Amino acid sequence: DLPIIEGDKKVYRKADLRAYVVTSATETKVW
């Protein structure tokens, strides 16, 4: 869980991560 602000309080909620990987004709790079 990561902290988020809800109203005037800090609460914890489940969170994921979308990572972006960009590939050209010569290489693959992670943003």
PDB file of all heavy atoms in Angstrom:
ATOM      1  N   ASP A   1       0.860  -1.173   0.000  1.00  0.00           N
ATOM      2  CA  ASP A   1       0.000   0.000   0.000  1.00  0.00           C
ATOM      3  C   ASP A   1       0.900   1.228   0.000  1.00  0.00           C
ATOM      4  O   ASP A   1       1.971   1.229   0.622  1.00  0.00           O
ATOM      5  CB  ASP A   1      -0.874   0.027   1.249  1.00  0.00           C
ATOM      6  CG  ASP A   1      -1.689  -1.237   1.420  1.00  0.00           C
ATOM      7  OD1 ASP A   1      -1.114  -2.267   1.824  1.00  0.00           O
ATOM      8  OD2 ASP A   1      -2.894  -1.188   1.173  1.00  0.00           O
ATOM      9  N   LEU A   2       0.449   2.264  -0.664  1.00  0.00           N
ATOM     10  CA  LEU A   2       1.167   3.533  -0.645  1.00  0.00           C
ATOM     11  C   LEU A   2       0.293   4.595   0.005  1.00  0.00           C
ATOM     12  O   LEU A   2      -0.946   4.535  -0.078  1.00  0.00           O
ATOM     13  CB  LEU A   2       1.541   3.969  -2.068  1.00  0.00           C
ATOM     14  CG  LEU A   2       2.560   3.102  -2.807  1.00  0.00           C
ATOM     15  CD1 LEU A   2       2.803   3.663  -4.205  1.00  0.00           C
ATOM     16  CD2 LEU A   2       3.870   3.015  -2.042  1.00  0.00           C
ATOM     17  N   PRO A   3       0.908   5.593   0.630  1.00  0.00           N
ATOM     18  CA  PRO A   3       0.113   6.652   1.249  1.00  0.00           C
ATOM     19  C   PRO A   3      -0.518   7.569   0.214  1.00  0.00           C
ATOM     20  O   PRO A   3       0.109   7.905  -0.798  1.00  0.00           O
ATOM     21  CB  PRO A   3       1.149   7.409   2.094  1.00  0.00           C
ATOM     22  CG  PRO A   3       2.454   7.162   1.409  1.00  0.00           C
ATOM     23  CD  PRO A   3       2.353   5.782   0.842  1.00  0.00           C
ATOM     24  N   ILE A   4      -1.765   7.940   0.450  1.00  0.00           N
ATOM     25  CA  ILE A   4      -2.431   8.954  -0.367  1.00  0.00           C
ATOM     26  C   ILE A   4      -3.128   9.928   0.582  1.00  0.00           C
ATOM     27  O   ILE A   4      -3.361   9.611   1.754  1.00  0.00           O
ATOM     28  CB  ILE A   4      -3.456   8.345  -1.346  1.00  0.00           C
ATOM     29  CG1 ILE A   4      -4.658   7.762  -0.585  1.00  0.00           C
ATOM     30  CG2 ILE A   4      -2.818   7.287  -2.238  1.00  0.00           C
ATOM     31  CD1 ILE A   4      -5.847   7.435  -1.479  1.00  0.00           C
ATOM     32  N   ILE A   5      -3.432  11.093   0.069  1.00  0.00           N
ATOM     33  CA  ILE A   5      -4.166  12.087   0.849  1.00  0.00           C
ATOM     34  C   ILE A   5      -5.641  11.961   0.522  1.00  0.00           C
ATOM     35  O   ILE A   5      -6.052  12.038  -0.644  1.00  0.00           O
ATOM     36  CB  ILE A   5      -3.675  13.515   0.530  1.00  0.00           C
ATOM     37  CG1 ILE A   5      -2.181  13.646   0.838  1.00  0.00           C
ATOM     38  CG2 ILE A   5      -4.489  14.537   1.327  1.00  0.00           C
ATOM     39  CD1 ILE A   5      -1.814  13.391   2.283  1.00  0.00           C
ATOM     40  N   GLU A   6      -6.443  11.733   1.556  1.00  0.00           N
ATOM     41  CA  GLU A   6      -7.888  11.628   1.383  1.00  0.00           C
ATOM     42  C   GLU A   6      -8.537  12.618   2.347  1.00  0.00           C
ATOM     43  O   GLU A   6      -8.525  12.414   3.563  1.00  0.00           O
ATOM     44  CB  GLU A   6      -8.350  10.199   1.677  1.00  0.00           C
ATOM     45  CG  GLU A   6      -9.779   9.916   1.254  1.00  0.00           C
ATOM     46  CD  GLU A   6     -10.137   8.449   1.399  1.00  0.00           C
ATOM     47  OE1 GLU A   6     -10.511   8.051   2.529  1.00  0.00           O
ATOM     48  OE2 GLU A   6     -10.012   7.713   0.417  1.00  0.00           O
ATOM     49  N   GLY A   7      -9.061  13.687   1.767  1.00  0.00           N
ATOM     50  CA  GLY A   7      -9.552  14.763   2.624  1.00  0.00           C
ATOM     51  C   GLY A   7      -8.381  15.420   3.327  1.00  0.00           C
ATOM     52  O   GLY A   7      -7.435  15.883   2.691  1.00  0.00           O
ATOM     53  N   ASP A   8      -8.407  15.436   4.667  1.00  0.00           N
ATOM     54  CA  ASP A   8      -7.301  16.020   5.427  1.00  0.00           C
ATOM     55  C   ASP A   8      -6.474  14.935   6.121  1.00  0.00           C
ATOM     56  O   ASP A   8      -5.708  15.218   7.041  1.00  0.00           O
ATOM     57  CB  ASP A   8      -7.817  17.029   6.456  1.00  0.00           C
ATOM     58  CG  ASP A   8      -8.822  16.403   7.428  1.00  0.00           C
ATOM     59  OD1 ASP A   8      -9.165  15.213   7.242  1.00  0.00           O
ATOM     60  OD2 ASP A   8      -9.255  17.107   8.359  1.00  0.00           O
ATOM     61  N   LYS A   9      -6.639  13.670   5.668  1.00  0.00           N
ATOM     62  CA  LYS A   9      -5.931  12.565   6.309  1.00  0.00           C
ATOM     63  C   LYS A   9      -5.034  11.843   5.314  1.00  0.00           C
ATOM     64  O   LYS A   9      -5.253  11.875   4.105  1.00  0.00           O
ATOM     65  CB  LYS A   9      -6.936  11.555   6.889  1.00  0.00           C
ATOM     66  CG  LYS A   9      -7.829  12.099   7.998  1.00  0.00           C
ATOM     67  CD  LYS A   9      -8.679  10.992   8.591  1.00  0.00           C
ATOM     68  CE  LYS A   9      -9.603  10.386   7.554  1.00  0.00           C
ATOM     69  NZ  LYS A   9     -10.506   9.350   8.154  1.00  0.00           N
ATOM     70  N   LYS A  10      -4.038  11.155   5.856  1.00  0.00           N
ATOM     71  CA  LYS A  10      -3.198  10.264   5.060  1.00  0.00           C
ATOM     72  C   LYS A  10      -3.686   8.838   5.286  1.00  0.00           C
ATOM     73  O   LYS A  10      -3.766   8.376   6.427  1.00  0.00           O
ATOM     74  CB  LYS A  10      -1.730  10.399   5.459  1.00  0.00           C
ATOM     75  CG  LYS A  10      -0.784   9.533   4.613  1.00  0.00           C
ATOM     76  CD  LYS A  10       0.630   9.543   5.175  1.00  0.00           C
ATOM     77  CE  LYS A  10       1.294  10.896   5.012  1.00  0.00           C
ATOM     78  NZ  LYS A  10       2.743  10.829   5.418  1.00  0.00           N
ATOM     79  N   VAL A  11      -4.039   8.155   4.189  1.00  0.00           N
ATOM     80  CA  VAL A  11      -4.486   6.772   4.276  1.00  0.00           C
ATOM     81  C   VAL A  11      -3.632   5.940   3.308  1.00  0.00           C
ATOM     82  O   VAL A  11      -2.874   6.480   2.506  1.00  0.00           O
ATOM     83  CB  VAL A  11      -5.985   6.627   3.923  1.00  0.00           C
ATOM     84  CG1 VAL A  11      -6.846   7.389   4.921  1.00  0.00           C
ATOM     85  CG2 VAL A  11      -6.269   7.100   2.500  1.00  0.00           C
ATOM     86  N   TYR A  12      -3.761   4.631   3.403  1.00  0.00           N
ATOM     87  CA  TYR A  12      -2.947   3.745   2.566  1.00  0.00           C
ATOM     88  C   TYR A  12      -3.844   2.927   1.645  1.00  0.00           C
ATOM     89  O   TYR A  12      -4.880   2.409   2.067  1.00  0.00           O
ATOM     90  CB  TYR A  12      -2.083   2.831   3.435  1.00  0.00           C
ATOM     91  CG  TYR A  12      -0.940   3.569   4.079  1.00  0.00           C
ATOM     92  CD1 TYR A  12      -1.146   4.350   5.214  1.00  0.00           C
ATOM     93  CD2 TYR A  12       0.333   3.530   3.521  1.00  0.00           C
ATOM     94  CE1 TYR A  12      -0.106   5.062   5.787  1.00  0.00           C
ATOM     95  CE2 TYR A  12       1.381   4.234   4.095  1.00  0.00           C
ATOM     96  CZ  TYR A  12       1.158   4.996   5.223  1.00  0.00           C
ATOM     97  OH  TYR A  12       2.199   5.704   5.771  1.00  0.00           O
ATOM     98  N   ARG A  13      -3.431   2.857   0.374  1.00  0.00           N
ATOM     99  CA  ARG A  13      -4.188   2.124  -0.633  1.00  0.00           C
ATOM    100  C   ARG A  13      -3.248   1.295  -1.512  1.00  0.00           C
ATOM    101  O   ARG A  13      -2.089   1.655  -1.705  1.00  0.00           O
ATOM    102  CB  ARG A  13      -4.982   3.096  -1.524  1.00  0.00           C
ATOM    103  CG  ARG A  13      -6.026   3.932  -0.793  1.00  0.00           C
ATOM    104  CD  ARG A  13      -7.235   3.094  -0.398  1.00  0.00           C
ATOM    105  NE  ARG A  13      -8.262   3.905   0.239  1.00  0.00           N
ATOM    106  CZ  ARG A  13      -8.406   4.037   1.552  1.00  0.00           C
ATOM    107  NH1 ARG A  13      -7.575   3.404   2.388  1.00  0.00           N
ATOM    108  NH2 ARG A  13      -9.373   4.796   2.050  1.00  0.00           N
ATOM    109  N   LYS A  14      -3.770   0.201  -2.075  1.00  0.00           N
ATOM    110  CA  LYS A  14      -2.995  -0.623  -2.992  1.00  0.00           C
ATOM    111  C   LYS A  14      -2.597   0.195  -4.226  1.00  0.00           C
ATOM    112  O   LYS A  14      -3.389   1.006  -4.718  1.00  0.00           O
ATOM    113  CB  LYS A  14      -3.801  -1.843  -3.447  1.00  0.00           C
ATOM    114  CG  LYS A  14      -4.150  -2.817  -2.333  1.00  0.00           C
ATOM    115  CD  LYS A  14      -2.899  -3.481  -1.771  1.00  0.00           C
ATOM    116  CE  LYS A  14      -3.251  -4.490  -0.687  1.00  0.00           C
ATOM    117  NZ  LYS A  14      -2.056  -4.976   0.022  1.00  0.00           N
ATOM    118  N   ALA A  15      -1.371  -0.061  -4.717  1.00  0.00           N
ATOM    119  CA  ALA A  15      -0.891   0.692  -5.885  1.00  0.00           C
ATOM    120  C   ALA A  15      -0.016  -0.208  -6.753  1.00  0.00           C
ATOM    121  O   ALA A  15       0.729  -1.058  -6.251  1.00  0.00           O
ATOM    122  CB  ALA A  15      -0.094   1.915  -5.435  1.00  0.00           C
ATOM    123  N   ASP A  16      -0.126  -0.024  -8.066  1.00  0.00           N
ATOM    124  CA  ASP A  16       0.763  -0.732  -8.980  1.00  0.00           C
ATOM    125  C   ASP A  16       1.636   0.289  -9.702  1.00  0.00           C
ATOM    126  O   ASP A  16       1.625   1.482  -9.376  1.00  0.00           O
ATOM    127  CB  ASP A  16      -0.030  -1.610  -9.956  1.00  0.00           C
ATOM    128  CG  ASP A  16      -0.701  -0.837 -11.091  1.00  0.00           C
ATOM    129  OD1 ASP A  16      -0.740   0.420 -11.043  1.00  0.00           O
ATOM    130  OD2 ASP A  16      -1.199  -1.476 -12.037  1.00  0.00           O
ATOM    131  N   LEU A  17       2.400  -0.171 -10.669  1.00  0.00           N
ATOM    132  CA  LEU A  17       3.261   0.699 -11.465  1.00  0.00           C
ATOM    133  C   LEU A  17       3.195   0.249 -12.908  1.00  0.00           C
ATOM    134  O   LEU A  17       3.410  -0.935 -13.207  1.00  0.00           O
ATOM    135  CB  LEU A  17       4.718   0.629 -10.989  1.00  0.00           C
ATOM    136  CG  LEU A  17       5.743   1.352 -11.878  1.00  0.00           C
ATOM    137  CD1 LEU A  17       5.528   2.860 -11.846  1.00  0.00           C
ATOM    138  CD2 LEU A  17       7.165   0.995 -11.450  1.00  0.00           C
ATOM    139  N   ARG A  18       2.856   1.171 -13.814  1.00  0.00           N
ATOM    140  CA  ARG A  18       3.009   0.893 -15.238  1.00  0.00           C
ATOM    141  C   ARG A  18       4.305   1.547 -15.690  1.00  0.00           C
ATOM    142  O   ARG A  18       4.450   2.773 -15.672  1.00  0.00           O
ATOM    143  CB  ARG A  18       1.835   1.406 -16.064  1.00  0.00           C
ATOM    144  CG  ARG A  18       2.078   1.261 -17.576  1.00  0.00           C
ATOM    145  CD  ARG A  18       0.840   1.414 -18.411  1.00  0.00           C
ATOM    146  NE  ARG A  18      -0.063   0.277 -18.216  1.00  0.00           N
ATOM    147  CZ  ARG A  18      -1.202   0.109 -18.905  1.00  0.00           C
ATOM    148  NH1 ARG A  18      -1.553   1.000 -19.823  1.00  0.00           N
ATOM    149  NH2 ARG A  18      -1.963  -0.941 -18.670  1.00  0.00           N
ATOM    150  N   ALA A  19       5.264   0.706 -16.067  1.00  0.00           N
ATOM    151  CA  ALA A  19       6.546   1.181 -16.585  1.00  0.00           C
ATOM    152  C   ALA A  19       6.479   1.200 -18.109  1.00  0.00           C
ATOM    153  O   ALA A  19       5.807   0.359 -18.726  1.00  0.00           O
ATOM    154  CB  ALA A  19       7.676   0.263 -16.119  1.00  0.00           C
ATOM    155  N   TYR A  20       7.196   2.138 -18.716  1.00  0.00           N
ATOM    156  CA  TYR A  20       7.159   2.303 -20.163  1.00  0.00           C
ATOM    157  C   TYR A  20       8.536   2.001 -20.751  1.00  0.00           C
ATOM    158  O   TYR A  20       9.548   2.546 -20.303  1.00  0.00           O
ATOM    159  CB  TYR A  20       6.713   3.718 -20.537  1.00  0.00           C
ATOM    160  CG  TYR A  20       5.293   3.986 -20.092  1.00  0.00           C
ATOM    161  CD1 TYR A  20       5.023   4.478 -18.811  1.00  0.00           C
ATOM    162  CD2 TYR A  20       4.216   3.705 -20.917  1.00  0.00           C
ATOM    163  CE1 TYR A  20       3.726   4.686 -18.378  1.00  0.00           C
ATOM    164  CE2 TYR A  20       2.908   3.912 -20.500  1.00  0.00           C
ATOM    165  CZ  TYR A  20       2.670   4.404 -19.233  1.00  0.00           C
ATOM    166  OH  TYR A  20       1.379   4.603 -18.812  1.00  0.00           O
ATOM    167  N   VAL A  21       8.520   1.130 -21.761  1.00  0.00           N
ATOM    168  CA  VAL A  21       9.744   0.711 -22.425  1.00  0.00           C
ATOM    169  C   VAL A  21       9.598   1.061 -23.901  1.00  0.00           C
ATOM    170  O   VAL A  21       8.639   0.634 -24.552  1.00  0.00           O
ATOM    171  CB  VAL A  21       9.980  -0.800 -22.260  1.00  0.00           C
ATOM    172  CG1 VAL A  21      11.328  -1.202 -22.845  1.00  0.00           C
ATOM    173  CG2 VAL A  21       9.902  -1.195 -20.776  1.00  0.00           C
ATOM    174  N   VAL A  22      10.527   1.849 -24.423  1.00  0.00           N
ATOM    175  CA  VAL A  22      10.431   2.351 -25.799  1.00  0.00           C
ATOM    176  C   VAL A  22      11.569   1.759 -26.620  1.00  0.00           C
ATOM    177  O   VAL A  22      12.738   1.881 -26.253  1.00  0.00           O
ATOM    178  CB  VAL A  22      10.472   3.894 -25.832  1.00  0.00           C
ATOM    179  CG1 VAL A  22      10.291   4.392 -27.266  1.00  0.00           C
ATOM    180  CG2 VAL A  22       9.385   4.473 -24.927  1.00  0.00           C
ATOM    181  N   THR A  23      11.206   1.132 -27.735  1.00  0.00           N
ATOM    182  CA  THR A  23      12.180   0.444 -28.576  1.00  0.00           C
ATOM    183  C   THR A  23      12.274   1.128 -29.934  1.00  0.00           C
ATOM    184  O   THR A  23      11.248   1.388 -30.580  1.00  0.00           O
ATOM    185  CB  THR A  23      11.786  -1.032 -28.771  1.00  0.00           C
ATOM    186  OG1 THR A  23      11.725  -1.669 -27.484  1.00  0.00           O
ATOM    187  CG2 THR A  23      12.794  -1.767 -29.639  1.00  0.00           C
ATOM    188  N   SER A  24      13.489   1.406 -30.360  1.00  0.00           N
ATOM    189  CA  SER A  24      13.749   1.922 -31.703  1.00  0.00           C
ATOM    190  C   SER A  24      14.362   0.809 -32.528  1.00  0.00           C
ATOM    191  O   SER A  24      14.497  -0.329 -32.065  1.00  0.00           O
ATOM    192  CB  SER A  24      14.694   3.128 -31.631  1.00  0.00           C
ATOM    193  OG  SER A  24      16.008   2.702 -31.290  1.00  0.00           O
ATOM    194  N   ALA A  25      14.763   1.124 -33.738  1.00  0.00           N
ATOM    195  CA  ALA A  25      15.381   0.119 -34.605  1.00  0.00           C
ATOM    196  C   ALA A  25      16.749  -0.318 -34.092  1.00  0.00           C
ATOM    197  O   ALA A  25      17.271  -1.344 -34.518  1.00  0.00           O
ATOM    198  CB  ALA A  25      15.502   0.655 -36.026  1.00  0.00           C
ATOM    199  N   THR A  26      17.318   0.451 -33.147  1.00  0.00           N
ATOM    200  CA  THR A  26      18.682   0.146 -32.692  1.00  0.00           C
ATOM    201  C   THR A  26      18.792  -0.178 -31.211  1.00  0.00           C
ATOM    202  O   THR A  26      19.765  -0.805 -30.791  1.00  0.00           O
ATOM    203  CB  THR A  26      19.625   1.327 -32.998  1.00  0.00           C
ATOM    204  OG1 THR A  26      19.116   2.517 -32.356  1.00  0.00           O
ATOM    205  CG2 THR A  26      19.732   1.562 -34.496  1.00  0.00           C
ATOM    206  N   GLU A  27      17.816   0.237 -30.381  1.00  0.00           N
ATOM    207  CA  GLU A  27      17.971   0.008 -28.945  1.00  0.00           C
ATOM    208  C   GLU A  27      16.635   0.048 -28.215  1.00  0.00           C
ATOM    209  O   GLU A  27      15.639   0.545 -28.731  1.00  0.00           O
ATOM    210  CB  GLU A  27      18.925   1.042 -28.335  1.00  0.00           C
ATOM    211  CG  GLU A  27      18.473   2.476 -28.499  1.00  0.00           C
ATOM    212  CD  GLU A  27      19.492   3.478 -27.988  1.00  0.00           C
ATOM    213  OE1 GLU A  27      20.355   3.107 -27.175  1.00  0.00           O
ATOM    214  OE2 GLU A  27      19.424   4.640 -28.415  1.00  0.00           O
ATOM    215  N   THR A  28      16.654  -0.507 -27.005  1.00  0.00           N
ATOM    216  CA  THR A  28      15.493  -0.504 -26.123  1.00  0.00           C
ATOM    217  C   THR A  28      15.834   0.314 -24.885  1.00  0.00           C
ATOM    218  O   THR A  28      16.853   0.077 -24.249  1.00  0.00           O
ATOM    219  CB  THR A  28      15.116  -1.942 -25.719  1.00  0.00           C
ATOM    220  OG1 THR A  28      14.709  -2.655 -26.888  1.00  0.00           O
ATOM    221  CG2 THR A  28      13.981  -1.960 -24.704  1.00  0.00           C
ATOM    222  N   LYS A  29      14.953   1.275 -24.552  1.00  0.00           N
ATOM    223  CA  LYS A  29      15.193   2.142 -23.404  1.00  0.00           C
ATOM    224  C   LYS A  29      13.986   2.135 -22.468  1.00  0.00           C
ATOM    225  O   LYS A  29      12.833   2.114 -22.920  1.00  0.00           O
ATOM    226  CB  LYS A  29      15.476   3.580 -23.856  1.00  0.00           C
ATOM    227  CG  LYS A  29      16.801   3.759 -24.580  1.00  0.00           C
ATOM    228  CD  LYS A  29      17.074   5.230 -24.852  1.00  0.00           C
ATOM    229  CE  LYS A  29      18.447   5.440 -25.478  1.00  0.00           C
ATOM    230  NZ  LYS A  29      18.731   6.868 -25.725  1.00  0.00           N
ATOM    231  N   VAL A  30      14.273   2.176 -21.179  1.00  0.00           N
ATOM    232  CA  VAL A  30      13.233   2.246 -20.160  1.00  0.00           C
ATOM    233  C   VAL A  30      13.115   3.696 -19.700  1.00  0.00           C
ATOM    234  O   VAL A  30      14.114   4.335 -19.347  1.00  0.00           O
ATOM    235  CB  VAL A  30      13.566   1.334 -18.968  1.00  0.00           C
ATOM    236  CG1 VAL A  30      12.485   1.432 -17.894  1.00  0.00           C
ATOM    237  CG2 VAL A  30      13.727  -0.114 -19.432  1.00  0.00           C
ATOM    238  N   TRP A  31      11.903   4.216 -19.735  1.00  0.00           N
ATOM    239  CA  TRP A  31      11.669   5.594 -19.294  1.00  0.00           C
ATOM    240  C   TRP A  31      11.859   5.687 -17.788  1.00  0.00           C
ATOM    241  O   TRP A  31      11.324   4.872 -17.038  1.00  0.00           O
ATOM    242  CB  TRP A  31      10.257   6.006 -19.671  1.00  0.00           C
ATOM    243  CG  TRP A  31       9.897   7.433 -19.395  1.00  0.00           C
ATOM    244  CD1 TRP A  31      10.700   8.521 -19.496  1.00  0.00           C
ATOM    245  CD2 TRP A  31       8.614   7.919 -18.982  1.00  0.00           C
ATOM    246  NE1 TRP A  31      10.003   9.661 -19.174  1.00  0.00           N
ATOM    247  CE2 TRP A  31       8.725   9.314 -18.862  1.00  0.00           C
ATOM    248  CE3 TRP A  31       7.390   7.313 -18.721  1.00  0.00           C
ATOM    249  CZ2 TRP A  31       7.652  10.119 -18.476  1.00  0.00           C
ATOM    250  CZ3 TRP A  31       6.323   8.103 -18.347  1.00  0.00           C
ATOM    251  CH2 TRP A  31       6.449   9.493 -18.228  1.00  0.00           C
TER     252      TRP A  31
END
